[in-house]
Protein backbone atom coordinates (compact mmCIF):
# COMPACT_ATOMS: atom_id res chain seq x y z
CA MET A 1 -44.12 33.34 10.22
CA ASN A 2 -44.31 29.55 10.25
CA ARG A 3 -40.96 27.77 9.96
CA LEU A 4 -40.38 25.17 7.25
CA ARG A 5 -40.96 21.55 8.18
CA GLY A 6 -37.73 19.74 9.12
CA THR A 7 -35.71 22.89 9.88
CA GLY A 8 -36.00 22.63 13.67
CA CYS A 9 -35.85 25.58 16.00
CA ILE A 10 -34.06 27.07 19.00
CA TYR A 11 -35.65 28.40 22.18
CA GLN A 12 -34.92 29.43 25.75
CA ARG A 13 -36.72 28.03 28.75
CA ALA A 14 -38.44 30.71 30.82
CA GLY A 15 -36.80 33.27 28.56
CA ARG A 16 -33.32 32.81 30.04
CA GLY A 17 -30.47 30.35 30.34
CA PRO A 18 -28.86 28.40 27.49
CA TRP A 19 -30.54 28.04 24.15
CA TRP A 20 -32.16 24.70 23.43
CA LEU A 21 -32.35 22.90 20.09
CA LYS A 22 -35.49 21.18 18.90
CA TYR A 23 -35.42 18.93 15.83
CA SER A 24 -36.64 15.50 14.76
CA HIS A 25 -34.83 12.34 13.73
CA ASN A 26 -36.57 9.17 12.58
CA ARG A 27 -39.93 10.69 13.59
CA ARG A 28 -38.63 11.29 17.10
CA VAL A 29 -38.54 14.80 18.51
CA ILE A 30 -35.22 15.63 20.16
CA CYS A 31 -34.66 18.49 22.58
CA GLU A 32 -31.02 19.21 23.32
CA SER A 33 -29.26 21.97 25.19
CA SER A 34 -26.74 23.87 23.10
CA GLY A 35 -24.72 24.65 26.21
CA THR A 36 -24.44 28.32 25.27
CA THR A 37 -26.40 31.55 25.76
CA ASN A 38 -25.12 32.83 22.41
CA LYS A 39 -27.96 32.63 19.90
CA THR A 40 -25.67 32.56 16.86
CA LYS A 41 -23.67 29.60 18.22
CA ALA A 42 -26.91 27.77 19.01
CA LYS A 43 -28.12 28.27 15.43
CA THR A 44 -24.79 26.98 14.12
CA LEU A 45 -25.08 23.85 16.24
CA LEU A 46 -28.66 23.29 15.04
CA ALA A 47 -27.50 23.59 11.43
CA LYS A 48 -24.80 21.01 12.12
CA ARG A 49 -27.32 18.59 13.63
CA LEU A 50 -29.63 18.95 10.62
CA LYS A 51 -26.71 18.46 8.23
CA ASP A 52 -25.63 15.27 10.04
CA ILE A 53 -29.19 13.96 9.87
CA GLY A 54 -29.32 14.69 6.16
CA ASN A 55 -26.08 12.86 5.30
CA GLY A 56 -26.64 9.95 7.71
CA ASN A 57 -23.89 10.89 10.17
CA PHE A 58 -26.14 11.88 13.05
CA GLY A 59 -25.21 10.39 16.37
CA GLY A 60 -26.51 12.92 18.82
CA LYS A 61 -24.96 14.25 21.98
CA GLU A 62 -24.03 10.76 23.21
CA VAL A 63 -21.73 10.12 20.24
CA GLU A 64 -20.04 13.48 20.67
CA ARG A 65 -19.23 12.65 24.30
CA VAL A 66 -17.43 9.36 23.49
CA MET A 67 -13.74 9.57 24.44
CA VAL A 68 -10.93 7.80 22.60
CA GLU A 69 -10.15 5.99 25.84
CA GLU A 70 -13.60 4.36 25.73
CA LEU A 71 -12.89 3.14 22.20
CA ALA A 72 -9.56 1.73 23.44
CA GLU A 73 -11.31 -0.21 26.22
CA ASP A 74 -13.67 -1.79 23.68
CA PHE A 75 -10.71 -2.56 21.42
CA LEU A 76 -8.75 -4.37 24.15
CA SER A 77 -11.87 -6.20 25.35
CA GLU A 78 -12.41 -7.52 21.83
CA TYR A 79 -8.79 -8.76 21.74
CA ARG A 80 -9.22 -10.58 25.06
CA ALA A 81 -12.58 -12.08 24.11
CA ASN A 82 -11.13 -13.54 20.91
CA GLY A 83 -7.96 -14.75 22.61
CA ARG A 84 -5.71 -12.87 20.21
CA LYS A 85 -2.04 -13.72 20.71
CA SER A 86 -1.02 -10.10 20.08
CA ILE A 87 -2.97 -8.75 23.07
CA GLY A 88 0.31 -7.89 24.80
CA ASN A 89 1.47 -5.78 21.86
CA ALA A 90 -1.95 -4.10 21.61
CA GLU A 91 -1.93 -3.16 25.30
CA ALA A 92 1.64 -1.84 25.08
CA ARG A 93 0.86 0.33 22.03
CA TRP A 94 -2.11 1.88 23.80
CA LEU A 95 -0.61 2.37 27.25
CA LEU A 96 2.87 3.51 26.22
CA HIS A 97 2.21 5.64 23.15
CA LEU A 98 -1.40 6.15 22.05
CA LYS A 99 -2.94 6.86 25.45
CA PRO A 100 -0.55 9.68 26.51
CA PHE A 101 -1.42 11.54 23.29
CA PHE A 102 -5.07 10.68 22.52
CA ALA A 103 -6.71 9.93 25.88
CA VAL A 104 -7.67 13.59 26.44
CA TYR A 105 -9.55 13.77 23.12
CA ARG A 106 -13.10 12.87 22.21
CA ALA A 107 -13.50 10.62 19.20
CA VAL A 108 -15.13 13.40 17.15
CA GLU A 109 -12.04 15.56 17.69
CA ILE A 110 -9.66 13.14 15.98
CA THR A 111 -8.73 14.56 12.57
CA THR A 112 -6.10 13.75 9.97
CA PRO A 113 -3.96 16.80 10.91
CA LEU A 114 -4.02 15.61 14.54
CA LEU A 115 -2.89 12.15 13.44
CA THR A 116 -0.06 13.75 11.49
CA ARG A 117 0.99 15.62 14.64
CA TYR A 118 1.11 12.30 16.48
CA ILE A 119 3.37 10.83 13.78
CA GLU A 120 5.73 13.79 14.03
CA SER A 121 5.91 13.47 17.82
CA ARG A 122 6.68 9.74 17.60
CA GLN A 123 9.34 10.30 14.94
CA GLN A 124 11.00 12.87 17.21
CA GLN A 125 11.09 10.13 19.86
CA GLY A 126 12.95 7.89 17.40
CA ALA A 127 10.07 5.65 16.28
CA GLN A 128 10.42 4.09 12.83
CA ASN A 129 7.76 4.41 10.13
CA ALA A 130 6.72 0.78 10.57
CA THR A 131 6.18 1.36 14.30
CA CYS A 132 4.02 4.44 13.64
CA ASN A 133 1.96 2.47 11.11
CA ARG A 134 1.30 -0.35 13.59
CA GLU A 135 0.19 2.15 16.24
CA LEU A 136 -2.12 4.00 13.87
CA ALA A 137 -3.50 0.66 12.68
CA ALA A 138 -4.48 -0.10 16.29
CA LEU A 139 -6.17 3.30 16.58
CA LYS A 140 -8.00 2.74 13.30
CA ARG A 141 -9.24 -0.61 14.58
CA MET A 142 -10.61 1.20 17.64
CA PHE A 143 -12.60 3.54 15.40
CA ASN A 144 -13.89 0.68 13.25
CA LEU A 145 -15.14 -1.14 16.34
CA GLY A 146 -16.65 2.14 17.55
CA ARG A 147 -18.55 2.50 14.30
CA GLN A 148 -19.85 -1.06 14.61
CA ASN A 149 -21.03 -0.22 18.15
CA GLN A 150 -22.59 3.04 16.94
CA LYS A 151 -20.20 5.09 19.05
CA VAL A 152 -18.47 6.64 16.04
CA ARG A 153 -20.14 8.24 13.04
CA HIS A 154 -17.19 9.73 11.21
CA MET A 155 -13.84 8.08 10.41
CA PRO A 156 -10.84 10.34 9.85
CA ILE A 157 -8.39 9.48 7.09
CA PHE A 158 -5.48 7.64 8.70
CA PRO A 159 -2.07 8.42 7.15
CA ARG A 160 0.19 5.55 6.18
CA LEU A 161 3.94 6.00 6.04
CA GLN A 162 6.27 4.29 3.60
CA GLU A 163 8.09 1.41 5.26
CA ASN A 164 11.56 0.11 4.61
CA ASN A 165 11.52 -3.08 6.66
CA VAL A 166 12.77 -5.67 4.17
CA ARG A 167 14.40 -8.57 6.00
CA THR A 168 18.09 -8.98 5.23
CA GLY A 169 19.70 -11.48 7.65
CA PHE A 170 20.58 -15.04 6.65
CA LEU A 171 22.33 -17.91 8.40
CA GLU A 172 25.14 -19.00 6.11
CA ASP A 173 26.27 -22.62 6.03
CA ALA A 174 29.66 -21.90 7.63
CA HIS A 175 28.04 -20.10 10.57
CA TYR A 176 25.46 -22.87 10.85
CA ARG A 177 28.20 -25.46 11.35
CA ARG A 178 29.84 -23.27 13.99
CA LEU A 179 26.55 -22.81 15.82
CA ILE A 180 26.14 -26.59 15.97
CA GLN A 181 29.58 -26.91 17.56
CA HIS A 182 28.61 -24.45 20.32
CA CYS A 183 25.12 -25.80 21.05
CA PRO A 184 24.92 -26.17 24.84
CA ASP A 185 22.00 -28.60 25.04
CA LEU A 186 19.85 -30.93 22.97
CA TRP A 187 16.85 -28.57 23.07
CA PHE A 188 18.92 -25.74 21.56
CA ARG A 189 20.19 -27.97 18.76
CA ALA A 190 16.63 -29.11 18.01
CA ALA A 191 15.27 -25.55 18.02
CA LEU A 192 18.03 -24.47 15.64
CA GLU A 193 17.30 -27.33 13.25
CA LEU A 194 13.52 -26.82 13.30
CA ALA A 195 13.79 -23.09 12.59
CA ARG A 196 16.37 -23.51 9.84
CA THR A 197 14.48 -26.36 8.14
CA TYR A 198 10.85 -25.23 8.29
CA GLY A 199 11.10 -21.52 9.06
CA TRP A 200 8.79 -21.81 12.06
CA ARG A 201 8.58 -18.95 14.55
CA LYS A 202 10.29 -19.21 17.92
CA GLN A 203 7.08 -19.44 19.94
CA GLU A 204 5.63 -22.05 17.58
CA ILE A 205 8.67 -24.22 18.29
CA LEU A 206 8.87 -23.64 22.03
CA LYS A 207 5.16 -24.33 22.61
CA MET A 208 5.09 -27.59 20.64
CA ARG A 209 3.80 -30.55 22.69
CA VAL A 210 4.85 -34.18 22.49
CA SER A 211 1.38 -35.08 21.15
CA GLN A 212 2.19 -33.08 18.02
CA VAL A 213 5.14 -35.35 17.19
CA ASP A 214 4.29 -38.56 15.34
CA LEU A 215 7.42 -40.67 15.32
CA PHE A 216 5.70 -43.55 13.51
CA GLN A 217 4.53 -41.40 10.59
CA ARG A 218 7.59 -39.13 10.99
CA THR A 219 5.42 -36.00 10.92
CA LEU A 220 5.18 -32.80 12.95
CA ARG A 221 1.96 -30.88 13.36
CA LEU A 222 1.07 -27.37 14.54
CA GLU A 223 -2.52 -27.35 15.74
CA VAL A 224 -5.12 -24.91 14.40
CA GLY A 225 -5.21 -21.83 16.63
CA THR A 226 -1.69 -22.29 18.05
CA THR A 227 0.15 -20.39 15.30
CA LYS A 228 0.35 -16.64 14.73
CA ASN A 229 -2.16 -16.73 11.86
CA ARG A 230 -4.15 -19.54 13.60
CA ASP A 231 -3.69 -21.91 10.64
CA GLY A 232 -2.62 -25.48 11.29
CA ARG A 233 0.42 -27.00 9.58
CA GLN A 234 1.89 -30.45 9.12
CA VAL A 235 5.33 -31.36 7.78
CA VAL A 236 7.42 -34.48 7.33
CA MET A 237 10.54 -34.81 9.49
CA THR A 238 13.98 -34.87 7.95
CA ASP A 239 16.38 -37.52 9.23
CA ALA A 240 18.23 -34.96 11.36
CA ILE A 241 15.06 -33.65 12.97
CA TYR A 242 13.71 -37.16 13.56
CA THR A 243 16.90 -38.13 15.41
CA LEU A 244 16.85 -34.98 17.54
CA LEU A 245 13.15 -35.12 18.44
CA LEU A 246 13.36 -38.83 19.23
CA GLU A 247 15.67 -37.91 22.09
CA CYS A 248 13.69 -34.78 23.05
CA VAL A 249 10.41 -36.69 23.59
CA ARG A 250 11.89 -39.80 25.20
CA GLY A 251 10.08 -40.54 28.49
CA LYS A 252 7.62 -37.63 28.18
CA THR A 253 3.83 -37.65 28.13
CA GLY A 254 1.74 -36.18 25.32
CA GLU A 255 0.97 -32.93 27.18
CA GLN A 256 4.58 -32.11 27.99
CA PHE A 257 6.62 -29.69 25.91
CA VAL A 258 8.95 -31.18 23.31
CA LEU A 259 11.79 -28.79 24.12
CA THR A 260 12.70 -28.59 27.79
CA ARG A 261 15.82 -27.98 29.82
CA ARG A 262 17.72 -30.87 31.42
CA GLU A 263 15.65 -30.70 34.60
CA GLY A 264 12.42 -30.75 32.56
CA ARG A 265 11.56 -27.03 32.77
CA PRO A 266 10.00 -25.54 29.62
CA ILE A 267 12.01 -22.92 27.73
CA LYS A 268 10.37 -19.50 27.93
CA ASP A 269 13.13 -17.39 26.43
CA PHE A 270 16.74 -17.88 25.35
CA ARG A 271 17.82 -14.51 23.98
CA LYS A 272 20.95 -14.30 26.13
CA THR A 273 21.94 -17.87 25.29
CA TRP A 274 21.38 -17.18 21.60
CA ALA A 275 23.45 -13.97 21.67
CA ASN A 276 26.36 -15.68 23.47
CA ILE A 277 26.47 -18.63 21.08
CA CYS A 278 26.21 -16.40 18.00
CA ALA A 279 29.14 -14.36 19.31
CA LYS A 280 31.22 -17.55 19.77
CA ALA A 281 30.24 -18.76 16.28
CA GLY A 282 31.37 -15.50 14.68
CA CYS A 283 27.93 -14.21 13.69
CA PRO A 284 27.06 -11.56 16.30
CA GLY A 285 23.84 -9.71 15.61
CA LEU A 286 22.19 -12.72 13.98
CA LEU A 287 18.54 -12.99 15.04
CA PHE A 288 16.77 -16.28 15.65
CA HIS A 289 14.08 -14.92 13.31
CA ASP A 290 16.75 -14.85 10.56
CA LEU A 291 16.48 -18.66 10.51
CA ARG A 292 12.92 -18.23 9.24
CA ARG A 293 14.26 -16.25 6.32
CA THR A 294 17.07 -18.75 5.80
CA ALA A 295 14.62 -21.65 5.63
CA ALA A 296 12.58 -19.90 2.96
CA ARG A 297 15.71 -19.25 0.90
CA ASN A 298 16.95 -22.84 1.24
CA LEU A 299 13.56 -24.28 0.28
CA ARG A 300 13.40 -22.04 -2.76
CA ARG A 301 16.91 -23.02 -3.78
CA ALA A 302 15.83 -26.67 -3.57
CA GLY A 303 13.26 -25.93 -6.30
CA ILE A 304 10.17 -26.06 -4.07
CA ALA A 305 7.25 -23.96 -5.31
CA GLU A 306 6.81 -20.71 -3.42
CA GLY A 307 3.18 -21.55 -2.64
CA VAL A 308 4.32 -24.70 -0.86
CA ILE A 309 7.03 -22.75 1.00
CA GLN A 310 4.37 -20.34 2.26
CA LYS A 311 2.35 -23.26 3.65
CA ILE A 312 5.37 -24.85 5.33
CA GLY A 313 6.51 -21.63 7.00
CA GLY A 314 3.10 -20.14 7.65
CA TRP A 315 3.24 -17.03 5.48
CA LYS A 316 -0.40 -16.29 4.89
CA THR A 317 -0.09 -13.66 2.16
CA ARG A 318 2.24 -13.20 -0.75
CA SER A 319 3.06 -9.61 0.25
CA VAL A 320 4.35 -10.69 3.69
CA PHE A 321 6.36 -13.51 2.13
CA GLU A 322 8.04 -11.09 -0.30
CA ARG A 323 9.12 -8.83 2.58
CA TYR A 324 11.58 -11.51 3.62
CA ALA A 325 13.88 -10.70 0.64
CA ILE A 326 14.56 -14.39 0.00
CA VAL A 327 16.99 -13.60 -2.82
CA ASP A 328 20.53 -12.76 -1.66
CA GLN A 329 23.66 -11.83 -3.62
CA ARG A 330 24.71 -15.46 -4.13
CA ASP A 331 21.29 -16.21 -5.64
CA ILE A 332 21.77 -13.35 -8.08
CA ALA A 333 25.28 -14.54 -8.97
CA ASP A 334 23.98 -18.08 -9.60
CA ALA A 335 21.23 -16.69 -11.81
CA MET A 336 23.75 -14.72 -13.91
CA LEU A 337 25.96 -17.83 -14.23
CA LYS A 338 22.99 -19.89 -15.45
CA LEU A 339 22.11 -17.16 -17.95
CA GLN A 340 25.67 -17.11 -19.25
CA GLU A 341 25.74 -20.91 -19.62
CA SER A 342 22.40 -20.80 -21.44
CA GLU A 343 23.72 -18.22 -23.90
CA GLN A 344 26.91 -20.22 -24.45
CA LYS A 345 24.88 -23.36 -25.17
CA ALA A 346 22.81 -21.48 -27.71
CA GLU A 347 25.98 -20.21 -29.43
CA ALA A 348 27.46 -23.72 -29.46
CA VAL A 349 24.33 -25.10 -31.11
CA ALA A 350 24.34 -22.36 -33.73
CA GLU A 351 28.08 -22.48 -34.56
CA ASN A 352 28.94 -26.18 -34.23
CA GLY A 353 25.66 -27.90 -35.06
CA TYR A 354 25.18 -29.58 -31.70
CA SER A 355 21.75 -30.72 -30.66
CA SER A 356 20.37 -28.50 -27.87
CA ALA A 357 19.39 -31.67 -25.98
CA THR A 358 22.97 -32.95 -25.87
CA VAL A 359 24.88 -29.73 -25.23
CA ASP A 360 26.10 -29.63 -21.65
CA SER A 361 28.47 -27.35 -19.78
CA LYS A 362 31.47 -29.50 -20.76
CA THR A 363 30.53 -29.26 -24.43
CA VAL A 364 30.23 -25.51 -24.06
CA GLN A 365 33.70 -25.33 -22.53
CA VAL A 366 35.15 -27.37 -25.42
CA ALA A 367 33.37 -25.16 -27.93
CA ASN A 368 34.70 -22.08 -26.20
CA ARG A 369 38.28 -23.39 -26.37
CA GLN A 370 37.85 -24.17 -30.07
CA SER A 371 36.58 -20.70 -30.74
CA LEU A 372 39.58 -19.22 -28.90
CA ASN A 373 42.00 -21.29 -31.01
């Protein structure tokens, strides 16, 4: 009996050995060993191949052999080729956590239940939900690149955990004054002022060159490609920052770093110095990154539009900006006080006939005393 066109067939060479599959794809005849002498398993594999061809997921034996480790190599190569600043984090996520779990698997073996098992294992190790999400995001990027390179035909559904990583730390004015008193060097004082004023990241401040400081125009500039999101920024110096940077750049060439130690060495890290000074100032546990949050809060309190604040500090999306929890308890208290004053003004206008344009807080206080009498 003749078989139907497009259904393929199985056969054995010389009547023995493993069963072979024969089918066509894009008018090309493909012969593939099933790797088994079991006829039923060979038929099942043939049916799978025909199904993949029908729904456009066919990749052949080569795709099925691709290991997750190969996808990781392509992923890291893409990071290096594009000069991504987070290459260190990407390498650490793969080598320390993803590789020990996924390196033994082929890409076609990665399923959603397996991903869930990985999450459970990481949580048992003490990893937070945000950490698990970043690691799975790296793995998902590997699969997306694999699909672009025709090494992956099927993408599993990647779970996403709920995160509770709202920023909470602020530098209060009293602690700020104490930090100034304990600043050991000019570069530390300048770094503190830059972070608190503009909300710039630590590395953006430390890597700033003298050529980015325009003392004549009193502007500072972060070049395109040097920031985390690769966007350039330019701001006007405050009087305090102008005075500090004037001393920081004195006698330096354009290619030198703005912030350097007394002997001219660039500052690579100052975590220990920061921790010691914060302890002396009475704010242990304060992070330098909290100054970024503090700057956003102070700018908002000054009445600056949030879109402008995002451009100054380099928050690219609204969702990331909102994670910084810019509103603190004092902001809420001020808002309630303004609401109360507004209601009292309205009552004063209604009861005493004042014009709403002339009613101020003093008038409201007088009206309140009259109503009490």
